[in-house]
Amino acid sequence: MKEVVKPVPPPPAKIVLDEAVLHFANGKAELGAEAITAIQKVAEGLKAYPGSYSLEVSGHTSSIGGKALNKALAKRRADAVAKVLVDAGIPAAKVSTVGVGPDKPIADNASKEGQSKNRRVEIDVKVDDGKVEVRKTATGTVEAPAPAPAPKKPAKKAVK
């Protein structure tokens, strides 16, 4: 009996990871555990791809803050994601990073919701054979919960 070998599906051409998954604190480039797990899943899918590819990891920010600061922050975020990809087995020579900053918004920066959507990292997969199915995975944004109100202090009793 001949063994049937199932073809491995190609990786997505573009994967969008929003700040809600990456859990970047405002002005920070550190990744949370959920973000690392999500990026490792991307790496596993890429390692299964038999063709030749390269990755461009681009960091994006909202328009809040100075442009130079945002470009540097975006590059640090992209570098943090690239490090997880390389640590998960993707050859470093296949990965490049760029800090786009606020230059390519996907939402209106006039609202907090729009700013949240613009704070993202994108991983663009570039394949050499051109035979790739384009799928886009986008995570939803999540607002941070409001801080709990401070406990009320009991009123002091007047002493007579």
N, C-alpha and C. Protein backbone atom coordinates (compact mmCIF):
# COMPACT_ATOMS: atom_id res chain seq x y z
N MET A 1 0.85 -1.18 0.00
CA MET A 1 0.00 0.00 0.00
C MET A 1 0.89 1.24 0.00
N LYS A 2 0.57 2.17 -0.86
CA LYS A 2 1.37 3.40 -0.99
C LYS A 2 0.95 4.39 0.09
N GLU A 3 1.96 4.96 0.75
CA GLU A 3 1.68 5.94 1.80
C GLU A 3 1.31 7.28 1.16
N VAL A 4 0.24 7.88 1.67
CA VAL A 4 -0.20 9.18 1.16
C VAL A 4 0.45 10.27 2.02
N VAL A 5 1.15 11.16 1.36
CA VAL A 5 1.78 12.26 2.06
C VAL A 5 0.95 13.51 1.82
N LYS A 6 0.45 14.07 2.90
CA LYS A 6 -0.35 15.28 2.79
C LYS A 6 0.57 16.48 2.59
N PRO A 7 0.25 17.35 1.64
CA PRO A 7 1.10 18.53 1.47
C PRO A 7 0.97 19.48 2.67
N VAL A 8 2.06 20.11 3.00
CA VAL A 8 2.06 21.07 4.11
C VAL A 8 1.53 22.39 3.57
N PRO A 9 0.51 22.97 4.22
CA PRO A 9 0.00 24.25 3.72
C PRO A 9 1.05 25.34 3.88
N PRO A 10 1.06 26.28 2.96
CA PRO A 10 2.03 27.37 3.08
C PRO A 10 1.70 28.27 4.25
N PRO A 11 2.69 29.03 4.72
CA PRO A 11 2.42 29.94 5.83
C PRO A 11 1.59 31.12 5.34
N PRO A 12 0.94 31.80 6.25
CA PRO A 12 0.23 33.00 5.85
C PRO A 12 1.21 34.02 5.27
N ALA A 13 0.77 34.80 4.31
CA ALA A 13 1.64 35.80 3.72
C ALA A 13 1.82 36.98 4.67
N LYS A 14 0.82 37.24 5.48
CA LYS A 14 0.94 38.35 6.43
C LYS A 14 0.19 37.99 7.70
N ILE A 15 0.85 38.18 8.81
CA ILE A 15 0.24 37.92 10.11
C ILE A 15 0.29 39.22 10.89
N VAL A 16 -0.82 39.64 11.42
CA VAL A 16 -0.84 40.88 12.18
C VAL A 16 -1.05 40.53 13.65
N LEU A 17 -0.14 40.98 14.48
CA LEU A 17 -0.25 40.77 15.92
C LEU A 17 -0.47 42.12 16.56
N ASP A 18 -1.63 42.34 17.14
CA ASP A 18 -1.94 43.63 17.74
C ASP A 18 -1.37 43.72 19.15
N GLU A 19 -1.32 44.92 19.65
CA GLU A 19 -0.81 45.17 21.00
C GLU A 19 -1.58 44.36 22.04
N ALA A 20 -2.86 44.09 21.79
CA ALA A 20 -3.68 43.36 22.74
C ALA A 20 -3.09 41.98 23.00
N VAL A 21 -2.49 41.37 22.00
CA VAL A 21 -1.86 40.07 22.18
C VAL A 21 -0.43 40.24 22.66
N LEU A 22 0.25 41.24 22.11
CA LEU A 22 1.65 41.42 22.45
C LEU A 22 1.84 42.04 23.82
N HIS A 23 0.83 42.67 24.34
CA HIS A 23 0.87 43.25 25.68
C HIS A 23 2.05 44.18 25.89
N PHE A 24 2.27 45.07 24.93
CA PHE A 24 3.28 46.10 25.13
C PHE A 24 2.69 47.15 26.05
N ALA A 25 3.36 47.46 27.12
CA ALA A 25 2.95 48.57 27.96
C ALA A 25 3.24 49.84 27.18
N ASN A 26 2.50 50.88 27.46
CA ASN A 26 2.69 52.14 26.75
C ASN A 26 4.15 52.58 26.88
N GLY A 27 4.81 52.78 25.75
CA GLY A 27 6.20 53.20 25.75
C GLY A 27 7.20 52.10 26.02
N LYS A 28 6.77 50.84 26.05
CA LYS A 28 7.67 49.72 26.35
C LYS A 28 7.73 48.75 25.18
N ALA A 29 8.75 47.89 25.18
CA ALA A 29 8.91 46.91 24.11
C ALA A 29 9.00 45.48 24.66
N GLU A 30 8.67 45.28 25.93
CA GLU A 30 8.74 43.94 26.53
C GLU A 30 7.49 43.15 26.14
N LEU A 31 7.70 41.86 25.86
CA LEU A 31 6.60 40.97 25.48
C LEU A 31 6.10 40.20 26.69
N GLY A 32 4.78 40.01 26.75
CA GLY A 32 4.18 39.19 27.78
C GLY A 32 4.19 37.72 27.37
N ALA A 33 3.82 36.84 28.29
CA ALA A 33 3.82 35.40 28.03
C ALA A 33 2.88 35.02 26.88
N GLU A 34 1.70 35.65 26.82
CA GLU A 34 0.75 35.35 25.74
C GLU A 34 1.33 35.69 24.39
N ALA A 35 2.00 36.83 24.31
CA ALA A 35 2.60 37.26 23.05
C ALA A 35 3.70 36.30 22.62
N ILE A 36 4.52 35.88 23.55
CA ILE A 36 5.60 34.95 23.22
C ILE A 36 5.02 33.65 22.68
N THR A 37 3.98 33.14 23.32
CA THR A 37 3.33 31.91 22.86
C THR A 37 2.78 32.09 21.44
N ALA A 38 2.13 33.21 21.18
CA ALA A 38 1.57 33.47 19.84
C ALA A 38 2.67 33.52 18.78
N ILE A 39 3.77 34.16 19.10
CA ILE A 39 4.88 34.27 18.15
C ILE A 39 5.53 32.91 17.93
N GLN A 40 5.65 32.11 18.98
CA GLN A 40 6.21 30.76 18.84
C GLN A 40 5.35 29.90 17.91
N LYS A 41 4.02 30.10 17.96
CA LYS A 41 3.12 29.37 17.06
C LYS A 41 3.37 29.77 15.61
N VAL A 42 3.63 31.05 15.38
CA VAL A 42 3.98 31.52 14.04
C VAL A 42 5.25 30.83 13.58
N ALA A 43 6.25 30.76 14.46
CA ALA A 43 7.52 30.13 14.11
C ALA A 43 7.33 28.65 13.76
N GLU A 44 6.50 27.96 14.54
CA GLU A 44 6.27 26.54 14.26
C GLU A 44 5.67 26.35 12.87
N GLY A 45 4.72 27.21 12.50
CA GLY A 45 4.13 27.13 11.17
C GLY A 45 5.15 27.39 10.08
N LEU A 46 6.04 28.33 10.32
CA LEU A 46 7.06 28.66 9.33
C LEU A 46 8.09 27.55 9.19
N LYS A 47 8.44 26.92 10.30
CA LYS A 47 9.43 25.84 10.23
C LYS A 47 8.91 24.66 9.43
N ALA A 48 7.58 24.50 9.37
CA ALA A 48 6.98 23.41 8.61
C ALA A 48 6.89 23.73 7.11
N TYR A 49 7.13 24.97 6.74
CA TYR A 49 7.03 25.38 5.34
C TYR A 49 8.28 24.93 4.59
N PRO A 50 8.11 24.13 3.52
CA PRO A 50 9.28 23.58 2.83
C PRO A 50 9.97 24.57 1.88
N GLY A 51 9.30 25.63 1.48
CA GLY A 51 9.87 26.56 0.51
C GLY A 51 10.80 27.57 1.15
N SER A 52 11.38 28.39 0.29
CA SER A 52 12.28 29.44 0.75
C SER A 52 11.46 30.68 1.07
N TYR A 53 11.81 31.34 2.16
CA TYR A 53 11.07 32.54 2.58
C TYR A 53 11.99 33.47 3.35
N SER A 54 11.51 34.70 3.51
CA SER A 54 12.16 35.66 4.40
C SER A 54 11.05 36.37 5.16
N LEU A 55 11.41 36.94 6.29
CA LEU A 55 10.44 37.63 7.14
C LEU A 55 10.85 39.07 7.34
N GLU A 56 9.88 39.97 7.25
CA GLU A 56 10.12 41.35 7.66
C GLU A 56 9.19 41.63 8.82
N VAL A 57 9.78 41.92 9.97
CA VAL A 57 9.01 42.22 11.18
C VAL A 57 8.99 43.73 11.32
N SER A 58 7.79 44.31 11.24
CA SER A 58 7.69 45.76 11.32
C SER A 58 6.91 46.18 12.55
N GLY A 59 7.49 47.12 13.28
CA GLY A 59 6.85 47.65 14.47
C GLY A 59 6.15 48.96 14.14
N HIS A 60 4.96 49.14 14.70
CA HIS A 60 4.15 50.32 14.45
C HIS A 60 3.73 50.91 15.80
N THR A 61 3.46 52.21 15.80
CA THR A 61 3.01 52.89 17.01
C THR A 61 1.84 53.80 16.67
N SER A 62 1.23 54.33 17.69
CA SER A 62 0.24 55.38 17.48
C SER A 62 1.01 56.68 17.24
N SER A 63 0.29 57.76 17.06
CA SER A 63 0.96 59.05 16.81
C SER A 63 1.24 59.82 18.10
N ILE A 64 0.92 59.22 19.26
CA ILE A 64 1.17 59.88 20.54
C ILE A 64 2.68 59.87 20.80
N GLY A 65 3.23 61.01 21.14
CA GLY A 65 4.66 61.11 21.40
C GLY A 65 5.41 61.60 20.17
N GLY A 66 6.70 61.84 20.35
CA GLY A 66 7.54 62.34 19.28
C GLY A 66 7.81 61.28 18.22
N LYS A 67 7.99 61.74 16.97
CA LYS A 67 8.19 60.81 15.86
C LYS A 67 9.47 59.98 16.03
N ALA A 68 10.57 60.62 16.40
CA ALA A 68 11.84 59.89 16.57
C ALA A 68 11.72 58.85 17.68
N LEU A 69 11.08 59.22 18.78
CA LEU A 69 10.88 58.29 19.88
C LEU A 69 10.02 57.11 19.44
N ASN A 70 8.95 57.38 18.69
CA ASN A 70 8.07 56.31 18.20
C ASN A 70 8.78 55.38 17.22
N LYS A 71 9.62 55.93 16.36
CA LYS A 71 10.36 55.08 15.41
C LYS A 71 11.30 54.14 16.17
N ALA A 72 11.99 54.68 17.18
CA ALA A 72 12.90 53.85 17.98
C ALA A 72 12.13 52.80 18.77
N LEU A 73 11.00 53.18 19.35
CA LEU A 73 10.16 52.24 20.10
C LEU A 73 9.64 51.14 19.18
N ALA A 74 9.19 51.52 17.99
CA ALA A 74 8.68 50.55 17.02
C ALA A 74 9.77 49.55 16.63
N LYS A 75 10.99 50.02 16.46
CA LYS A 75 12.11 49.13 16.11
C LYS A 75 12.41 48.18 17.27
N ARG A 76 12.38 48.68 18.50
CA ARG A 76 12.62 47.80 19.66
C ARG A 76 11.53 46.72 19.75
N ARG A 77 10.28 47.10 19.48
CA ARG A 77 9.20 46.11 19.50
C ARG A 77 9.40 45.06 18.41
N ALA A 78 9.76 45.51 17.21
CA ALA A 78 10.01 44.56 16.11
C ALA A 78 11.17 43.64 16.46
N ASP A 79 12.24 44.21 17.03
CA ASP A 79 13.39 43.40 17.43
C ASP A 79 13.02 42.37 18.49
N ALA A 80 12.13 42.73 19.42
CA ALA A 80 11.69 41.80 20.47
C ALA A 80 10.95 40.62 19.86
N VAL A 81 10.09 40.89 18.88
CA VAL A 81 9.35 39.82 18.20
C VAL A 81 10.32 38.96 17.39
N ALA A 82 11.25 39.59 16.67
CA ALA A 82 12.23 38.85 15.87
C ALA A 82 13.06 37.92 16.75
N LYS A 83 13.44 38.38 17.95
CA LYS A 83 14.23 37.55 18.86
C LYS A 83 13.48 36.29 19.24
N VAL A 84 12.18 36.41 19.49
CA VAL A 84 11.38 35.23 19.83
C VAL A 84 11.33 34.27 18.64
N LEU A 85 11.18 34.80 17.43
CA LEU A 85 11.17 33.95 16.23
C LEU A 85 12.49 33.19 16.10
N VAL A 86 13.60 33.89 16.26
CA VAL A 86 14.92 33.26 16.14
C VAL A 86 15.14 32.25 17.27
N ASP A 87 14.75 32.61 18.49
CA ASP A 87 14.88 31.68 19.62
C ASP A 87 14.04 30.42 19.41
N ALA A 88 12.95 30.55 18.61
CA ALA A 88 12.07 29.41 18.35
C ALA A 88 12.54 28.59 17.14
N GLY A 89 13.68 28.96 16.56
CA GLY A 89 14.25 28.13 15.49
C GLY A 89 14.23 28.72 14.09
N ILE A 90 13.77 29.93 13.92
CA ILE A 90 13.81 30.56 12.60
C ILE A 90 15.23 31.10 12.40
N PRO A 91 15.89 30.77 11.28
CA PRO A 91 17.25 31.28 11.07
C PRO A 91 17.28 32.81 11.06
N ALA A 92 18.23 33.38 11.81
CA ALA A 92 18.32 34.84 11.92
C ALA A 92 18.52 35.50 10.56
N ALA A 93 19.18 34.81 9.64
CA ALA A 93 19.42 35.38 8.32
C ALA A 93 18.13 35.59 7.52
N LYS A 94 17.05 34.92 7.93
CA LYS A 94 15.77 35.06 7.24
C LYS A 94 14.92 36.20 7.79
N VAL A 95 15.37 36.82 8.89
CA VAL A 95 14.53 37.79 9.59
C VAL A 95 15.16 39.19 9.53
N SER A 96 14.37 40.16 9.12
CA SER A 96 14.81 41.56 9.19
C SER A 96 13.75 42.35 9.95
N THR A 97 14.17 43.45 10.56
CA THR A 97 13.23 44.26 11.34
C THR A 97 13.28 45.71 10.88
N VAL A 98 12.15 46.39 11.06
CA VAL A 98 12.07 47.80 10.72
C VAL A 98 11.12 48.48 11.71
N GLY A 99 11.49 49.67 12.12
CA GLY A 99 10.62 50.48 12.99
C GLY A 99 9.88 51.49 12.14
N VAL A 100 8.63 51.22 11.84
CA VAL A 100 7.82 52.10 11.01
C VAL A 100 7.31 53.28 11.83
N GLY A 101 7.04 53.04 13.09
CA GLY A 101 6.51 54.10 13.95
C GLY A 101 5.08 54.44 13.60
N PRO A 102 4.73 55.73 13.60
CA PRO A 102 3.35 56.15 13.35
C PRO A 102 3.02 56.36 11.88
N ASP A 103 3.94 56.02 10.96
CA ASP A 103 3.79 56.38 9.55
C ASP A 103 2.74 55.60 8.76
N LYS A 104 2.32 54.43 9.23
CA LYS A 104 1.34 53.63 8.49
C LYS A 104 0.20 53.20 9.41
N PRO A 105 -0.61 54.16 9.85
CA PRO A 105 -1.72 53.81 10.74
C PRO A 105 -2.78 52.98 10.01
N ILE A 106 -3.44 52.11 10.77
CA ILE A 106 -4.56 51.35 10.21
C ILE A 106 -5.88 51.84 10.79
N ALA A 107 -5.79 52.79 11.70
CA ALA A 107 -6.99 53.37 12.33
C ALA A 107 -6.71 54.83 12.65
N ASP A 108 -7.76 55.55 13.00
CA ASP A 108 -7.67 56.97 13.31
C ASP A 108 -7.01 57.17 14.67
N ASN A 109 -5.95 57.95 14.72
CA ASN A 109 -5.25 58.21 15.97
C ASN A 109 -5.96 59.20 16.87
N ALA A 110 -7.12 59.71 16.44
CA ALA A 110 -7.85 60.68 17.25
C ALA A 110 -8.56 60.03 18.44
N SER A 111 -8.73 58.70 18.39
CA SER A 111 -9.42 58.01 19.49
C SER A 111 -8.47 57.02 20.17
N LYS A 112 -8.76 56.69 21.43
CA LYS A 112 -7.96 55.69 22.16
C LYS A 112 -8.03 54.34 21.46
N GLU A 113 -9.23 53.99 20.95
CA GLU A 113 -9.40 52.72 20.25
C GLU A 113 -8.51 52.66 19.00
N GLY A 114 -8.51 53.75 18.25
CA GLY A 114 -7.68 53.81 17.05
C GLY A 114 -6.20 53.73 17.38
N GLN A 115 -5.80 54.44 18.43
CA GLN A 115 -4.40 54.40 18.86
C GLN A 115 -4.00 52.97 19.23
N SER A 116 -4.89 52.26 19.92
CA SER A 116 -4.61 50.90 20.33
C SER A 116 -4.41 50.00 19.11
N LYS A 117 -5.24 50.18 18.08
CA LYS A 117 -5.11 49.37 16.86
C LYS A 117 -3.80 49.67 16.13
N ASN A 118 -3.33 50.90 16.22
CA ASN A 118 -2.11 51.28 15.52
C ASN A 118 -0.85 50.78 16.21
N ARG A 119 -0.93 50.45 17.49
CA ARG A 119 0.22 49.92 18.22
C ARG A 119 0.28 48.42 17.97
N ARG A 120 1.08 48.05 16.98
CA ARG A 120 1.07 46.65 16.55
C ARG A 120 2.42 46.26 15.98
N VAL A 121 2.61 44.96 15.81
CA VAL A 121 3.76 44.42 15.11
C VAL A 121 3.21 43.54 14.00
N GLU A 122 3.74 43.69 12.80
CA GLU A 122 3.34 42.86 11.67
C GLU A 122 4.51 42.00 11.24
N ILE A 123 4.22 40.75 10.89
CA ILE A 123 5.24 39.84 10.37
C ILE A 123 4.84 39.57 8.93
N ASP A 124 5.61 40.09 7.98
CA ASP A 124 5.35 39.85 6.56
C ASP A 124 6.22 38.69 6.10
N VAL A 125 5.56 37.65 5.57
CA VAL A 125 6.26 36.48 5.06
C VAL A 125 6.40 36.65 3.56
N LYS A 126 7.63 36.64 3.08
CA LYS A 126 7.89 36.79 1.65
C LYS A 126 8.42 35.46 1.14
N VAL A 127 7.67 34.86 0.21
CA VAL A 127 8.08 33.56 -0.33
C VAL A 127 8.67 33.75 -1.72
N ASP A 128 9.64 32.89 -2.05
CA ASP A 128 10.33 33.01 -3.32
C ASP A 128 9.55 32.37 -4.47
N ASP A 129 8.78 31.31 -4.18
CA ASP A 129 8.10 30.62 -5.27
C ASP A 129 6.76 31.25 -5.65
N GLY A 130 6.30 32.19 -4.86
CA GLY A 130 5.04 32.88 -5.18
C GLY A 130 3.80 32.03 -4.98
N LYS A 131 3.96 30.79 -4.55
CA LYS A 131 2.81 29.90 -4.34
C LYS A 131 2.46 29.91 -2.87
N VAL A 132 1.65 30.88 -2.49
CA VAL A 132 1.29 30.99 -1.09
C VAL A 132 -0.16 31.42 -0.98
N GLU A 133 -0.84 30.86 -0.04
CA GLU A 133 -2.22 31.27 0.23
C GLU A 133 -2.15 32.47 1.15
N VAL A 134 -2.87 33.51 0.81
CA VAL A 134 -2.85 34.71 1.64
C VAL A 134 -3.95 34.59 2.68
N ARG A 135 -3.56 34.55 3.92
CA ARG A 135 -4.50 34.54 5.04
C ARG A 135 -4.07 35.63 5.99
N LYS A 136 -5.01 36.29 6.60
CA LYS A 136 -4.68 37.35 7.54
C LYS A 136 -5.28 37.00 8.89
N THR A 137 -4.46 37.03 9.89
CA THR A 137 -4.92 36.79 11.25
C THR A 137 -4.75 38.08 12.02
N ALA A 138 -5.84 38.61 12.51
CA ALA A 138 -5.76 39.84 13.29
C ALA A 138 -6.42 39.60 14.63
N THR A 139 -5.76 40.03 15.67
CA THR A 139 -6.34 39.89 16.99
C THR A 139 -7.09 41.16 17.34
N GLY A 140 -8.08 41.04 18.17
CA GLY A 140 -8.83 42.21 18.61
C GLY A 140 -8.05 42.97 19.67
N THR A 141 -8.37 44.23 19.80
CA THR A 141 -7.71 45.02 20.84
C THR A 141 -8.51 44.93 22.12
N VAL A 142 -7.83 45.03 23.23
CA VAL A 142 -8.48 44.94 24.53
C VAL A 142 -8.04 46.14 25.35
N GLU A 143 -9.01 46.84 25.88
CA GLU A 143 -8.69 47.98 26.74
C GLU A 143 -8.29 47.47 28.11
N ALA A 144 -7.36 48.14 28.73
CA ALA A 144 -6.95 47.77 30.09
C ALA A 144 -8.11 48.04 31.04
N PRO A 145 -8.32 47.16 32.02
CA PRO A 145 -9.42 47.39 32.96
C PRO A 145 -9.17 48.66 33.76
N ALA A 146 -10.24 49.32 34.12
CA ALA A 146 -10.13 50.54 34.93
C ALA A 146 -9.61 50.17 36.30
N PRO A 147 -8.78 51.02 36.90
CA PRO A 147 -8.27 50.70 38.24
C PRO A 147 -9.41 50.68 39.25
N ALA A 148 -9.26 49.82 40.22
CA ALA A 148 -10.28 49.71 41.27
C ALA A 148 -10.31 51.01 42.06
N PRO A 149 -11.49 51.45 42.48
CA PRO A 149 -11.54 52.68 43.27
C PRO A 149 -10.84 52.48 44.61
N ALA A 150 -10.25 53.55 45.10
CA ALA A 150 -9.57 53.48 46.39
C ALA A 150 -10.61 53.24 47.49
N PRO A 151 -10.27 52.42 48.47
CA PRO A 151 -11.25 52.17 49.55
C PRO A 151 -11.53 53.48 50.30
N LYS A 152 -12.77 53.64 50.67
CA LYS A 152 -13.16 54.85 51.41
C LYS A 152 -12.73 54.70 52.86
N LYS A 153 -12.18 55.80 53.38
CA LYS A 153 -11.77 55.80 54.78
C LYS A 153 -12.98 56.16 55.63
N PRO A 154 -13.14 55.48 56.75
CA PRO A 154 -14.28 55.83 57.61
C PRO A 154 -14.13 57.25 58.15
N ALA A 155 -15.23 57.92 58.25
CA ALA A 155 -15.22 59.30 58.76
C ALA A 155 -14.81 59.28 60.23
N LYS A 156 -14.01 60.27 60.60
CA LYS A 156 -13.57 60.34 62.00
C LYS A 156 -14.73 60.87 62.86
N LYS A 157 -14.89 60.26 64.01
CA LYS A 157 -15.94 60.70 64.92
C LYS A 157 -15.45 61.89 65.70
N ALA A 158 -16.32 62.85 65.84
CA ALA A 158 -15.96 64.04 66.61
C ALA A 158 -15.97 63.68 68.10
N VAL A 159 -14.94 64.12 68.79
CA VAL A 159 -14.84 63.86 70.23
C VAL A 159 -15.45 65.04 70.98
N LYS A 160 -16.39 64.74 71.92
CA LYS A 160 -17.05 65.81 72.69
C LYS A 160 -16.47 65.91 74.05
